[in-house]
Amino acid sequence: MFSNQDYENLPPSKKYKWIEYHKYKFSAQWYQRLKGNLILKLAAKHGYLGYYNQNLQSPFERFQVGGDGLSGFTIYGRDIIAQRGYEIYSNPAGATIFNKYVAEIRYPFSLNPSSTIYGLAFYEAANAWDNFKSFNPFQLRRSAGLGVRIFLPMFGLLGLDYGLGFDRLTPGTKFGQATKFSFMLGFEPE
């Protein structure tokens, strides 16, 4: 933004000496007691990574969507946006825009502070895009499934989810090929 260099033809060592980008993330969660201890959770998450110079788009700090939030570490640094029922499906270089919507119904089996356990049923919809030209907020990959969360003060939050990726169900695909187990250790992934 502040130089007149031709970044399109510079080698990467000079091109990315100073990284320029602006990044925005929005997250909202709402919990509502339905009846007794039955809880409804609604969440929406959005993210955008922008640039000042089109020829100098940052390869760092992009969004990686899909998977369980535990895998996908790269040296470039990525915000991993988990989606149950899917492997990582965003562009391997990472996306610059993402949307994610979650609806969960939770019911506690034990509210003991030394081991809190609750089951849940979820529905998720998410996707990632490389730019605003391809961005379509209604083109989302959907999944649903069941899970359990166990909070132990010594280990933190542990979780196991079994999700079905609806968009993985194509003609000729077996049900088991469109499902995926997801694990959670220590924290709820974004």
Protein backbone atom coordinates (compact mmCIF):
# COMPACT_ATOMS: atom_id res chain seq x y z
CA MET A 1 0.00 0.00 0.00
CA PHE A 2 2.87 2.37 0.80
CA SER A 3 5.33 1.47 -1.97
CA ASN A 4 5.30 1.63 -5.74
CA GLN A 5 7.01 -1.75 -6.29
CA ASP A 6 5.70 -4.26 -8.84
CA TYR A 7 4.74 -7.04 -6.41
CA GLU A 8 3.51 -9.32 -9.16
CA ASN A 9 7.09 -10.03 -10.36
CA LEU A 10 8.98 -9.94 -7.05
CA PRO A 11 10.42 -13.16 -5.54
CA PRO A 12 8.49 -14.41 -2.46
CA SER A 13 11.29 -13.45 -0.05
CA LYS A 14 10.88 -9.78 -1.01
CA LYS A 15 7.17 -9.92 -1.81
CA TYR A 16 6.21 -11.10 1.68
CA LYS A 17 8.86 -9.24 3.68
CA TRP A 18 6.06 -7.06 5.09
CA ILE A 19 2.64 -8.71 5.19
CA GLU A 20 -0.32 -6.41 4.70
CA TYR A 21 -3.86 -7.58 5.42
CA HIS A 22 -6.94 -6.76 7.44
CA LYS A 23 -8.96 -9.48 9.11
CA TYR A 24 -12.44 -9.49 10.64
CA LYS A 25 -14.23 -12.22 12.58
CA PHE A 26 -17.76 -12.13 13.94
CA SER A 27 -19.16 -14.70 16.35
CA ALA A 28 -22.53 -14.79 18.09
CA GLN A 29 -23.99 -17.47 20.37
CA TRP A 30 -27.41 -17.63 21.95
CA TYR A 31 -28.62 -20.17 24.54
CA GLN A 32 -32.26 -20.72 25.45
CA ARG A 33 -33.77 -23.12 27.98
CA LEU A 34 -36.53 -25.03 26.18
CA LYS A 35 -37.91 -27.11 29.05
CA GLY A 36 -36.27 -28.23 32.26
CA ASN A 37 -32.59 -28.83 31.50
CA LEU A 38 -33.09 -29.08 27.72
CA ILE A 39 -31.06 -26.24 26.14
CA LEU A 40 -31.06 -24.83 22.60
CA LYS A 41 -27.82 -23.28 21.32
CA LEU A 42 -27.76 -21.16 18.15
CA ALA A 43 -24.49 -19.77 16.79
CA ALA A 44 -23.30 -17.84 13.75
CA LYS A 45 -19.67 -17.23 12.77
CA HIS A 46 -18.31 -15.22 9.88
CA GLY A 47 -14.82 -14.23 8.82
CA TYR A 48 -13.13 -12.13 6.16
CA LEU A 49 -9.45 -11.61 5.28
CA GLY A 50 -8.85 -8.57 3.10
CA TYR A 51 -5.86 -7.04 1.34
CA TYR A 52 -4.66 -3.59 0.36
CA ASN A 53 -2.95 -4.62 -2.89
CA GLN A 54 -4.46 -7.32 -5.13
CA ASN A 55 -0.99 -8.55 -6.15
CA LEU A 56 0.05 -8.88 -2.51
CA GLN A 57 -2.62 -11.08 -0.95
CA SER A 58 -1.45 -12.63 2.31
CA PRO A 59 -0.82 -16.40 2.27
CA PHE A 60 -1.00 -16.23 6.08
CA GLU A 61 -3.90 -16.11 8.54
CA ARG A 62 -6.44 -17.62 6.15
CA PHE A 63 -9.42 -19.78 7.14
CA GLN A 64 -9.45 -23.58 6.86
CA VAL A 65 -12.94 -25.09 7.07
CA GLY A 66 -13.92 -28.69 7.86
CA GLY A 67 -12.53 -31.43 10.04
CA ASP A 68 -12.50 -31.60 13.82
CA GLY A 69 -10.34 -28.57 14.55
CA LEU A 70 -7.44 -30.69 15.83
CA SER A 71 -5.64 -31.40 12.56
CA GLY A 72 -4.51 -29.24 9.69
CA PHE A 73 -1.56 -27.47 11.33
CA THR A 74 0.60 -25.61 8.83
CA ILE A 75 3.55 -23.29 9.23
CA TYR A 76 1.57 -20.46 7.60
CA GLY A 77 -0.92 -20.16 10.42
CA ARG A 78 -4.58 -20.77 9.75
CA ASP A 79 -7.79 -20.25 11.67
CA ILE A 80 -9.27 -23.73 11.71
CA ILE A 81 -13.07 -23.62 11.51
CA ALA A 82 -14.30 -27.10 12.44
CA GLN A 83 -17.33 -28.70 10.81
CA ARG A 84 -18.50 -32.04 12.10
CA GLY A 85 -19.20 -34.70 9.46
CA TYR A 86 -16.54 -33.41 7.02
CA GLU A 87 -12.83 -33.59 6.40
CA ILE A 88 -11.06 -30.29 5.70
CA TYR A 89 -12.55 -29.17 2.39
CA SER A 90 -11.53 -25.55 1.89
CA ASN A 91 -8.82 -24.60 -0.58
CA PRO A 92 -5.47 -26.08 0.64
CA ALA A 93 -4.02 -22.55 0.58
CA GLY A 94 -6.89 -21.43 2.82
CA ALA A 95 -9.93 -19.30 2.15
CA THR A 96 -10.45 -15.58 2.69
CA ILE A 97 -14.18 -15.73 3.57
CA PHE A 98 -16.18 -18.21 5.64
CA ASN A 99 -19.69 -18.57 7.10
CA LYS A 100 -20.77 -21.10 9.71
CA TYR A 101 -24.16 -21.63 11.38
CA VAL A 102 -24.85 -24.07 14.24
CA ALA A 103 -28.00 -25.28 15.99
CA GLU A 104 -27.63 -27.67 18.94
CA ILE A 105 -29.97 -29.19 21.46
CA ARG A 106 -28.18 -30.19 24.68
CA TYR A 107 -29.30 -32.25 27.63
CA PRO A 108 -27.18 -32.82 30.76
CA PHE A 109 -26.78 -36.34 32.11
CA SER A 110 -24.72 -35.13 35.09
CA LEU A 111 -24.31 -31.58 36.42
CA ASN A 112 -21.79 -32.61 39.09
CA PRO A 113 -18.95 -30.00 39.06
CA SER A 114 -16.31 -32.77 39.24
CA SER A 115 -17.63 -34.38 36.02
CA THR A 116 -20.25 -32.59 33.96
CA ILE A 117 -21.64 -34.76 31.14
CA TYR A 118 -24.18 -33.80 28.50
CA GLY A 119 -25.41 -35.20 25.21
CA LEU A 120 -26.27 -33.15 22.16
CA ALA A 121 -27.82 -33.28 18.71
CA PHE A 122 -26.51 -30.79 16.16
CA TYR A 123 -27.12 -29.31 12.74
CA GLU A 124 -24.37 -27.29 11.05
CA ALA A 125 -23.99 -25.44 7.78
CA ALA A 126 -20.72 -23.86 6.65
CA ASN A 127 -18.54 -23.07 3.67
CA ALA A 128 -15.47 -21.09 2.65
CA TRP A 129 -14.66 -19.05 -0.43
CA ASP A 130 -11.50 -17.62 -1.97
CA ASN A 131 -12.95 -14.23 -2.91
CA PHE A 132 -16.12 -12.14 -3.09
CA LYS A 133 -16.71 -13.11 -6.74
CA SER A 134 -17.29 -16.74 -5.73
CA PHE A 135 -18.95 -15.90 -2.38
CA ASN A 136 -22.51 -17.22 -2.03
CA PRO A 137 -23.87 -17.21 1.55
CA PHE A 138 -26.60 -19.72 0.60
CA GLN A 139 -24.20 -22.33 -0.83
CA LEU A 140 -23.42 -24.14 2.42
CA ARG A 141 -22.31 -27.68 3.26
CA ARG A 142 -24.71 -29.19 5.77
CA SER A 143 -24.23 -31.80 8.47
CA ALA A 144 -26.13 -33.26 11.41
CA GLY A 145 -25.37 -35.75 14.13
CA LEU A 146 -25.06 -36.66 17.78
CA GLY A 147 -22.38 -36.06 20.36
CA VAL A 148 -21.37 -36.13 23.98
CA ARG A 149 -19.33 -33.67 26.08
CA ILE A 150 -17.55 -34.47 29.33
CA PHE A 151 -15.99 -31.72 31.43
CA LEU A 152 -13.38 -32.94 33.89
CA PRO A 153 -11.55 -30.21 35.84
CA MET A 154 -8.27 -32.11 35.46
CA PHE A 155 -8.47 -32.39 31.62
CA GLY A 156 -10.94 -29.72 30.56
CA LEU A 157 -13.60 -30.38 27.95
CA LEU A 158 -13.57 -33.72 26.12
CA GLY A 159 -15.98 -34.50 23.32
CA LEU A 160 -16.97 -37.04 20.71
CA ASP A 161 -19.32 -36.33 17.81
CA TYR A 162 -20.66 -38.52 15.03
CA GLY A 163 -21.74 -36.42 12.07
CA LEU A 164 -23.30 -37.06 8.68
CA GLY A 165 -22.20 -34.70 5.90
CA PHE A 166 -25.35 -34.38 3.77
CA ASP A 167 -23.39 -33.06 0.80
CA ARG A 168 -21.13 -36.13 0.92
CA LEU A 169 -24.16 -38.35 0.26
CA THR A 170 -24.03 -38.75 -3.51
CA PRO A 171 -25.46 -41.53 -5.70
CA GLY A 172 -23.35 -44.63 -5.14
CA THR A 173 -21.95 -43.42 -1.80
CA LYS A 174 -22.57 -45.67 1.18
CA PHE A 175 -23.93 -44.11 4.37
CA GLY A 176 -20.73 -44.90 6.31
CA GLN A 177 -18.60 -43.06 3.75
CA ALA A 178 -20.56 -39.84 4.36
CA THR A 179 -20.11 -39.92 8.16
CA LYS A 180 -17.20 -38.97 10.36
CA PHE A 181 -16.25 -39.14 14.03
CA SER A 182 -14.85 -35.92 15.49
CA PHE A 183 -12.89 -35.64 18.73
CA MET A 184 -12.42 -32.65 20.94
CA LEU A 185 -9.69 -32.12 23.53
CA GLY A 186 -9.52 -29.23 25.95
CA PHE A 187 -11.76 -26.71 24.19
CA GLU A 188 -14.70 -26.43 21.82
CA PRO A 189 -13.25 -25.68 18.35
CA GLU A 190 -14.40 -22.61 16.47
